[in-house]
Protein backbone atom coordinates (compact mmCIF):
# COMPACT_ATOMS: atom_id res chain seq x y z
CA MET A 1 222.75 5.46 37.08
CA LEU A 2 220.11 3.05 35.83
CA SER A 3 216.92 4.46 34.85
CA ILE A 4 213.67 3.53 36.70
CA ALA A 5 212.43 1.23 34.19
CA ARG A 6 216.02 -0.73 34.30
CA ARG A 7 215.92 -0.68 37.98
CA ARG A 8 212.84 -2.64 38.00
CA ALA A 9 214.40 -4.74 35.21
CA LEU A 10 216.86 -5.99 37.39
CA LEU A 11 214.37 -8.16 39.25
CA SER A 12 215.34 -11.41 41.33
CA ALA A 13 215.54 -14.95 40.06
CA GLY A 14 216.87 -18.04 41.52
CA ALA A 15 218.81 -19.73 38.70
CA ALA A 16 219.58 -23.13 39.21
CA VAL A 17 219.32 -26.96 38.55
CA ALA A 18 218.13 -29.33 41.06
CA LEU A 19 219.55 -32.93 41.61
CA GLY A 20 216.64 -34.61 39.14
CA LEU A 21 216.92 -34.66 35.65
CA LEU A 22 215.27 -31.16 35.10
CA PRO A 23 216.08 -27.38 35.60
CA ALA A 24 214.21 -25.61 38.92
CA LEU A 25 214.07 -22.54 39.95
CA LEU A 26 215.05 -21.29 43.66
CA PRO A 27 213.40 -18.27 45.26
CA GLY A 28 215.31 -14.90 45.40
CA THR A 29 214.49 -11.43 46.73
CA ALA A 30 213.66 -8.05 45.00
CA ALA A 31 217.05 -6.48 44.06
CA VAL A 32 217.59 -2.86 44.14
CA ALA A 33 220.87 -1.15 43.10
CA ASP A 34 222.44 1.93 41.20
CA SER A 35 223.87 -0.18 38.68
CA VAL A 36 224.57 -3.67 37.78
CA SER A 37 228.38 -3.45 37.52
CA GLN A 38 228.22 -2.08 41.05
CA GLN A 39 226.20 -5.23 42.37
CA GLN A 40 228.76 -7.39 40.71
CA GLN A 41 231.44 -5.76 42.97
CA TRP A 42 231.71 -8.50 45.88
CA VAL A 43 231.48 -11.14 43.55
CA PHE A 44 234.79 -10.11 41.61
CA GLN A 45 236.00 -8.89 45.11
CA MET A 46 235.73 -12.41 46.84
CA MET A 47 237.36 -14.09 43.66
CA ASP A 48 239.90 -11.38 43.14
CA VAL A 49 239.00 -11.36 39.26
CA PRO A 50 239.99 -7.69 38.75
CA ALA A 51 243.88 -8.49 39.43
CA ALA A 52 243.78 -11.43 37.14
CA TRP A 53 242.60 -9.06 34.44
CA ASN A 54 245.87 -7.82 34.31
CA ILE A 55 247.37 -11.01 33.09
CA THR A 56 244.46 -12.25 30.92
CA ARG A 57 240.79 -11.53 30.12
CA GLY A 58 239.93 -14.86 28.43
CA HIS A 59 240.98 -13.98 24.75
CA GLY A 60 241.42 -16.98 22.50
CA VAL A 61 239.44 -19.46 24.55
CA VAL A 62 236.12 -21.11 23.86
CA VAL A 63 234.11 -21.86 26.31
CA ALA A 64 230.85 -24.41 25.88
CA VAL A 65 227.87 -23.77 27.98
CA LEU A 66 226.01 -26.81 28.04
CA ASP A 67 222.45 -25.81 29.05
CA SER A 68 218.87 -24.33 27.77
CA GLY A 69 220.51 -22.06 24.92
CA VAL A 70 222.06 -19.03 24.71
CA ASP A 71 220.74 -15.71 23.27
CA GLY A 72 223.81 -14.30 21.67
CA ASN A 73 221.88 -11.20 20.73
CA VAL A 74 221.66 -9.69 24.36
CA SER A 75 223.53 -6.49 24.53
CA ASP A 76 226.30 -8.03 26.90
CA LEU A 77 226.91 -11.05 25.02
CA LYS A 78 226.79 -9.65 21.43
CA GLY A 79 229.96 -10.68 19.34
CA ASN A 80 230.94 -13.25 22.32
CA VAL A 81 228.62 -15.90 21.13
CA ARG A 82 229.85 -18.18 18.20
CA GLY A 83 227.17 -18.89 15.59
CA GLY A 84 223.97 -20.16 16.57
CA ASN A 85 222.99 -22.73 19.07
CA ILE A 86 223.37 -26.64 18.63
CA ASP A 87 220.32 -28.49 19.94
CA TYR A 88 220.27 -32.10 21.33
CA THR A 89 216.98 -31.77 23.18
CA ARG A 90 215.13 -32.84 19.82
CA LEU A 91 212.52 -30.39 20.86
CA THR A 92 210.61 -28.14 18.19
CA THR A 93 211.02 -24.75 20.38
CA LYS A 94 212.56 -22.02 18.57
CA PRO A 95 215.14 -19.40 19.92
CA SER A 96 212.95 -16.92 19.54
CA ASP A 97 210.66 -18.06 21.99
CA PRO A 98 210.72 -15.65 25.07
CA ASN A 99 210.77 -19.10 27.08
CA TRP A 100 213.96 -20.49 25.41
CA GLY A 101 217.19 -20.22 26.64
CA LEU A 102 216.60 -18.28 30.02
CA HIS A 103 219.13 -20.14 32.48
CA GLY A 104 221.74 -20.74 29.55
CA THR A 105 221.70 -17.03 28.95
CA TRP A 106 222.02 -16.44 32.46
CA MET A 107 225.31 -18.45 32.99
CA ALA A 108 226.81 -17.51 29.64
CA SER A 109 226.96 -13.60 30.95
CA ILE A 110 228.14 -14.76 34.11
CA ILE A 111 231.25 -16.50 32.30
CA ALA A 112 231.70 -14.02 29.24
CA GLY A 113 229.47 -10.61 29.17
CA HIS A 114 231.26 -7.66 28.18
CA GLY A 115 229.12 -5.15 29.94
CA SER A 116 228.59 -2.84 27.37
CA ASP A 117 224.74 -2.36 26.97
CA SER A 118 223.14 1.12 25.81
CA GLU A 119 224.01 2.93 29.23
CA GLY A 120 227.49 2.00 29.78
CA ASP A 121 226.62 -0.62 32.28
CA GLY A 122 225.79 -4.21 32.53
CA VAL A 123 227.13 -7.55 33.43
CA THR A 124 230.86 -8.35 33.03
CA GLY A 125 231.78 -11.86 33.07
CA VAL A 126 235.06 -13.46 34.80
CA ALA A 127 236.43 -14.13 31.12
CA PRO A 128 234.71 -10.95 29.27
CA GLU A 129 237.04 -11.65 25.82
CA ALA A 130 236.35 -15.58 25.87
CA THR A 131 233.92 -16.87 23.19
CA ILE A 132 230.65 -18.94 24.12
CA LEU A 133 229.75 -22.05 22.18
CA SER A 134 226.00 -22.40 23.44
CA ILE A 135 225.18 -26.40 23.48
CA ARG A 136 221.59 -26.99 24.29
CA VAL A 137 221.01 -30.34 26.27
CA ILE A 138 217.88 -29.32 28.47
CA PRO A 139 215.06 -27.16 28.33
CA ASP A 140 213.81 -24.55 31.06
CA MET A 141 210.67 -25.62 33.08
CA GLN A 142 208.95 -22.44 31.12
CA ASP A 143 209.82 -23.96 27.73
CA PRO A 144 206.62 -25.09 25.52
CA GLY A 145 208.49 -28.33 25.08
CA TYR A 146 209.23 -28.86 28.67
CA ARG A 147 206.28 -31.24 29.20
CA ASN A 148 207.52 -33.65 26.30
CA TYR A 149 211.17 -33.47 27.50
CA ASP A 150 209.92 -34.90 30.86
CA ARG A 151 208.64 -37.44 29.56
CA GLU A 152 211.40 -38.90 27.89
CA ARG A 153 213.55 -41.80 29.07
CA GLU A 154 216.53 -41.12 30.98
CA THR A 155 218.93 -42.82 28.63
CA ARG A 156 218.04 -40.70 26.04
CA ILE A 157 218.11 -37.34 28.31
CA GLN A 158 221.74 -38.31 29.32
CA GLY A 159 222.77 -39.37 26.09
CA GLU A 160 222.02 -35.77 24.79
CA LEU A 161 224.47 -34.60 27.46
CA ALA A 162 227.33 -37.16 26.32
CA ASP A 163 226.43 -35.96 22.68
CA GLY A 164 226.84 -32.03 23.57
CA ILE A 165 230.19 -32.94 25.42
CA ARG A 166 231.80 -34.35 22.59
CA THR A 167 230.54 -32.08 20.38
CA ALA A 168 232.06 -29.55 22.57
CA VAL A 169 235.33 -31.16 22.17
CA MET A 170 235.31 -31.40 18.60
CA ASP A 171 234.13 -27.80 18.06
CA GLY A 172 237.16 -26.66 19.93
CA ALA A 173 236.03 -25.74 23.51
CA LYS A 174 238.79 -25.95 26.29
CA VAL A 175 236.31 -25.53 29.07
CA ILE A 176 232.75 -27.01 29.58
CA SER A 177 230.64 -25.62 31.70
CA MET A 178 227.51 -27.86 33.02
CA SER A 179 225.32 -25.96 35.28
CA ILE A 180 222.98 -28.89 35.36
CA GLY A 181 222.19 -31.99 37.54
CA TYR A 182 221.20 -35.54 37.17
CA SER A 183 220.37 -37.89 39.98
CA ALA A 184 221.92 -41.08 38.44
CA PRO A 185 224.94 -41.86 36.92
CA SER A 186 225.61 -42.66 32.71
CA ARG A 187 228.11 -44.82 31.17
CA ALA A 188 227.41 -42.50 27.84
CA VAL A 189 228.19 -39.57 29.77
CA ARG A 190 231.16 -40.64 31.89
CA SER A 191 232.76 -42.32 28.71
CA ALA A 192 232.28 -38.62 27.13
CA ILE A 193 233.83 -36.75 29.76
CA GLN A 194 236.63 -39.08 29.75
CA TYR A 195 237.04 -38.33 26.45
CA ALA A 196 236.94 -34.64 26.81
CA TYR A 197 239.59 -34.89 29.73
CA SER A 198 241.93 -37.14 27.67
CA ARG A 199 241.96 -34.07 25.14
CA GLY A 200 242.91 -31.57 27.52
CA VAL A 201 239.32 -30.18 28.12
CA VAL A 202 238.57 -28.46 31.57
CA LEU A 203 235.19 -29.69 32.73
CA VAL A 204 233.08 -28.05 35.64
CA ALA A 205 229.68 -28.66 37.03
CA SER A 206 227.35 -27.51 40.24
CA SER A 207 227.25 -29.67 43.13
CA GLY A 208 223.43 -29.24 43.29
CA ASN A 209 221.14 -27.53 45.15
CA SER A 210 219.73 -30.23 47.59
CA GLY A 211 221.37 -28.85 50.44
CA ASP A 212 222.38 -30.63 53.31
CA ASN A 213 219.76 -33.44 53.64
CA ASP A 214 221.14 -37.01 53.45
CA THR A 215 222.15 -39.15 55.84
CA GLN A 216 223.30 -42.27 54.59
CA HIS A 217 226.88 -41.30 54.08
CA SER A 218 228.29 -40.25 57.24
CA HIS A 219 227.01 -40.57 61.14
CA THR A 220 228.99 -37.23 62.07
CA ARG A 221 227.78 -34.95 59.20
CA ASN A 222 225.15 -35.15 56.73
CA LEU A 223 225.98 -35.25 53.32
CA ALA A 224 223.64 -34.23 50.30
CA PRO A 225 222.74 -36.72 47.43
CA VAL A 226 225.63 -37.05 44.87
CA SER A 227 224.79 -35.15 41.58
CA PHE A 228 226.00 -35.96 37.99
CA PRO A 229 228.04 -34.81 36.27
CA ALA A 230 229.61 -33.27 39.44
CA GLU A 231 230.41 -36.44 40.83
CA TYR A 232 232.18 -37.78 37.92
CA PRO A 233 236.02 -38.10 38.21
CA GLY A 234 237.78 -35.45 36.16
CA VAL A 235 235.07 -32.76 36.94
CA ILE A 236 235.55 -29.78 38.78
CA SER A 237 232.19 -30.04 41.32
CA VAL A 238 231.43 -26.41 42.62
CA GLY A 239 229.59 -25.51 45.63
CA ALA A 240 227.85 -21.91 46.51
CA VAL A 241 228.92 -19.60 49.09
CA GLN A 242 227.07 -16.18 49.77
CA GLN A 243 228.40 -12.75 50.63
CA GLY A 244 230.75 -12.98 53.57
CA GLY A 245 231.69 -16.38 52.19
CA THR A 246 229.42 -18.72 54.11
CA PRO A 247 228.00 -21.65 52.42
CA THR A 248 224.31 -20.88 50.96
CA THR A 249 221.67 -23.07 52.65
CA PHE A 250 220.87 -24.67 49.18
CA SER A 251 224.33 -25.86 47.99
CA SER A 252 224.62 -29.76 48.20
CA GLY A 253 227.59 -30.80 50.48
CA ASN A 254 229.17 -34.12 49.67
CA LEU A 255 232.57 -35.17 48.80
CA SER A 256 232.46 -34.53 45.16
CA VAL A 257 232.96 -30.47 46.02
CA LYS A 258 236.28 -29.14 44.85
CA VAL A 259 235.88 -25.55 45.13
CA ALA A 260 233.28 -23.04 45.94
CA ALA A 261 231.93 -19.63 44.38
CA PRO A 262 229.35 -17.14 45.16
CA GLY A 263 226.00 -18.23 44.47
CA LYS A 264 223.59 -16.04 45.96
CA LYS A 265 222.41 -12.95 44.50
CA VAL A 266 224.90 -13.05 41.33
CA PRO A 267 224.03 -10.54 38.79
CA ALA A 268 223.47 -11.95 35.49
CA GLN A 269 221.72 -10.92 31.92
CA GLY A 270 218.70 -12.70 30.76
CA ARG A 271 216.56 -12.90 27.74
CA SER A 272 215.46 -9.42 26.16
CA GLY A 273 218.36 -7.84 27.84
CA GLN A 274 216.84 -7.83 31.32
CA TYR A 275 219.09 -8.32 34.08
CA TYR A 276 218.49 -10.57 37.43
CA THR A 277 220.32 -11.63 40.38
CA VAL A 278 220.77 -15.48 40.37
CA ASP A 279 220.87 -18.15 43.19
CA GLY A 280 222.17 -21.51 43.11
CA THR A 281 225.20 -23.35 42.32
CA SER A 282 224.75 -22.94 38.95
CA PRO A 283 226.00 -19.50 38.81
CA ALA A 284 228.83 -20.65 41.14
CA CYS A 285 229.65 -23.17 38.33
CA ALA A 286 229.69 -20.38 35.98
CA LEU A 287 231.88 -18.30 37.77
CA VAL A 288 234.55 -20.87 38.32
CA ALA A 289 234.36 -22.00 34.48
CA GLY A 290 235.19 -18.47 33.55
CA VAL A 291 238.38 -18.69 35.80
CA ALA A 292 239.13 -21.70 34.27
CA ALA A 293 238.79 -19.93 30.77
CA LEU A 294 241.38 -17.35 32.10
CA ILE A 295 244.04 -20.12 33.02
CA GLU A 296 243.59 -21.76 29.56
CA SER A 297 244.23 -18.64 27.98
CA ALA A 298 246.90 -17.72 29.52
CA TYR A 299 248.31 -21.23 29.24
CA PRO A 300 246.88 -23.28 26.44
CA ARG A 301 249.00 -26.16 26.90
CA ILE A 302 248.14 -26.82 30.61
CA SER A 303 246.51 -29.94 31.38
CA PRO A 304 243.10 -30.55 33.19
CA ALA A 305 244.97 -31.76 36.25
CA LEU A 306 247.20 -28.79 36.55
CA VAL A 307 244.07 -26.44 36.34
CA THR A 308 242.23 -28.33 39.21
CA GLU A 309 245.31 -28.32 41.38
CA ALA A 310 245.88 -24.38 40.56
CA LEU A 311 242.30 -24.03 41.50
CA THR A 312 242.11 -25.89 44.60
CA SER A 313 245.77 -25.16 46.12
CA THR A 314 244.93 -21.40 46.10
CA ALA A 315 241.11 -21.44 47.31
CA GLN A 316 240.51 -19.28 50.26
CA GLN A 317 239.35 -21.00 53.14
CA ASP A 318 237.47 -19.74 56.25
CA PRO A 319 239.17 -20.10 58.50
CA PRO A 320 242.74 -19.94 57.06
CA GLY A 321 244.08 -23.57 56.93
CA GLY A 322 240.60 -25.20 57.81
CA GLY A 323 241.15 -27.89 55.49
CA TYR A 324 238.59 -29.44 53.25
CA ASP A 325 234.73 -29.08 53.83
CA VAL A 326 231.89 -30.90 52.35
CA LEU A 327 230.11 -27.55 51.04
CA THR A 328 233.06 -25.39 50.12
CA GLY A 329 235.63 -28.11 48.94
CA PHE A 330 239.25 -26.67 49.43
CA GLY A 331 237.72 -23.10 49.87
CA ILE A 332 236.75 -20.18 47.38
CA VAL A 333 238.59 -19.89 43.89
CA ASP A 334 241.04 -17.09 43.98
CA ALA A 335 241.28 -16.12 40.25
CA ASP A 336 244.81 -14.27 40.51
CA ALA A 337 246.40 -16.79 42.66
CA ALA A 338 245.25 -19.39 40.86
CA LEU A 339 246.62 -17.71 37.49
CA LYS A 340 249.86 -17.44 39.17
CA ALA A 341 250.01 -21.10 40.68
CA ALA A 342 249.34 -22.55 36.83
CA ARG A 343 252.39 -20.58 35.75
CA GLY A 344 254.41 -22.48 38.79
CA LEU A 345 252.89 -25.66 37.87
CA MET A 346 253.71 -25.49 34.38
CA ALA A 347 257.29 -25.17 35.15
CA GLU A 348 257.38 -27.54 37.92
CA HIS A 349 255.72 -30.42 35.73
CA PRO A 350 256.52 -29.78 31.94
CA ALA A 351 255.87 -33.74 31.48
CA LYS A 352 252.14 -32.47 32.30
CA SER A 353 251.65 -29.25 30.55
CA GLN A 354 250.05 -31.10 27.54
CA VAL A 355 247.82 -34.03 28.25
CA PRO A 356 248.47 -36.85 25.45
CA LEU A 357 245.59 -38.50 23.55
CA THR A 358 245.87 -41.45 25.77
CA ALA A 359 245.51 -39.95 28.89
CA HIS A 360 243.88 -41.21 32.44
CA PHE A 361 242.05 -39.52 34.77
CA GLY A 362 244.63 -38.07 37.58
CA GLY A 363 247.36 -36.28 35.39
CA GLY A 364 247.65 -38.27 32.11
CA THR A 365 250.09 -40.94 31.07
CA ALA A 366 253.09 -39.13 32.71
CA ALA A 367 251.51 -39.39 36.12
CA GLN A 368 251.25 -43.41 35.93
CA PRO A 369 253.75 -45.64 37.28
CA ALA A 370 255.82 -47.67 34.70
CA ALA A 371 254.24 -51.21 33.77
CA PRO A 372 255.67 -53.97 35.45
CA VAL A 373 256.42 -55.65 32.12
CA GLY A 374 256.92 -53.73 29.41
CA PRO A 375 254.80 -54.27 25.98
CA ARG A 376 256.53 -56.41 23.27
CA SER A 377 257.67 -55.38 20.39
CA THR A 378 257.03 -56.95 16.71
CA GLY A 379 260.39 -58.47 16.74
CA GLY A 380 260.15 -59.99 20.14
CA LEU A 381 257.28 -61.41 19.11
CA ILE A 382 258.97 -63.12 16.32
CA GLY A 383 261.58 -64.23 18.25
CA TYR A 384 259.34 -65.74 20.65
CA LEU A 385 257.33 -67.75 17.89
CA VAL A 386 260.71 -68.93 16.43
CA LEU A 387 261.85 -70.41 20.08
CA LEU A 388 258.44 -72.00 20.24
CA ALA A 389 258.72 -73.77 16.95
CA VAL A 390 262.09 -74.83 17.76
CA SER A 391 261.04 -76.21 21.13
CA GLY A 392 258.08 -78.19 19.45
CA VAL A 393 260.54 -79.60 17.01
CA ALA A 394 263.07 -80.82 19.76
CA VAL A 395 259.98 -82.12 21.89
CA LEU A 396 258.76 -84.03 18.90
CA CYS A 397 262.56 -85.62 18.06
CA GLY A 398 262.81 -86.42 21.71
CA GLY A 399 259.61 -88.46 21.53
CA VAL A 400 260.68 -90.35 18.39
CA VAL A 401 264.22 -91.45 20.33
CA LEU A 402 262.31 -92.41 23.34
CA LEU A 403 259.47 -94.62 21.11
CA LEU A 404 262.70 -96.28 19.19
CA THR A 405 264.44 -96.81 22.37
CA ARG A 406 261.94 -98.49 24.00
CA ARG A 407 261.10 -100.75 21.16
CA ARG A 408 264.77 -101.76 20.86
CA ASN A 409 264.55 -102.62 24.48
CA ASP A 410 261.49 -104.53 23.97
CA ASP A 411 263.08 -106.59 21.19
CA ARG A 412 266.16 -107.37 23.42
CA VAL A 413 264.04 -108.52 26.18
CA ALA A 414 262.05 -111.12 23.80
CA THR A 415 265.17 -112.37 22.29
CA MET A 416 266.71 -112.97 25.84
CA THR A 417 263.18 -114.77 26.73
CA GLY A 418 263.33 -116.98 23.60
CA GLN A 419 266.84 -117.96 24.49
CA ARG A 420 266.00 -119.06 28.24
CA GLY A 421 263.20 -121.39 26.81
């Protein structure tokens, strides 16, 4: 049981990132519960997480949280956050500021919280034995530096995200969780994502919180504006559902969505050790990133393409066999089924089990058809040059012979003409 003070601390806060360049909060409702762990049960049951823990709890996997920063000193994350925070925002706000890292700490606890507060309760993440790598690429709206950030050029802001992705790869992350959204694409970010994907890193992003409000893509069903990085190839875009499995009203529905996860009243730990229930496609993204971490822990050599296939092929649909839906993708992620599917996929596709450094989107070079004409070797090139030289000499000799023959014929004609005269 929670003390009265801790029950009051279990406040509601809508944690999400809008489709613009900056994070925004969604309204929530007051939460009352006997314990934080009890509030999590519906989330874990919907995603079949406890059964997956019989196989792995995420040990050995680094998950990069590209967000507003992570407070690694809160009770449920202590010991699970690697070192300090890498910061690309170029703002002067210190991690000690109470408005620093609000959103990022929520997301990290959902991914890798170990639920060990002073009263034996707290938030347990989907992959409680995973390690969090915090890379700060955005500030929270309450951050003292938010106003300066708001005035920055979009190219600079997205460049910070691209730098964060590359750093995550170089620092050993196997999963990158991005509960953030941008309204426009970026060549730098797309290049960074392809770099990460080609090195075997799974990328997960929230689909956005714009709801079903865009009519330009379909005459039969409205689709929300696309959100980046969720829209990029190689990224697992996640929509949000509520208790009962129906889509939330705010979850963006568009063709980038691959899977869904709980995104309404999801328990999380924030700054100063307080607990919240958070709303948005942000927590849904974090939950799926946690499942990806479980798969990476069990099968370290698996490719991002096979991780995506394991998640999408086992996702739960309502009704069963309902097919693809723009709000929930192929369905709600099932952690246990995805782990088992990953094992089968590894056995079926050994060539895809480890992504080569030259891989492309769609499963790597092993999945690409053979080139119509193979590349020339060095020996073949030398032979070609020799043949070209010989051909040139032959043409030259032929020209000389032709010229001499023509001159001889001209002399003969001249002689015959002189005789006739």
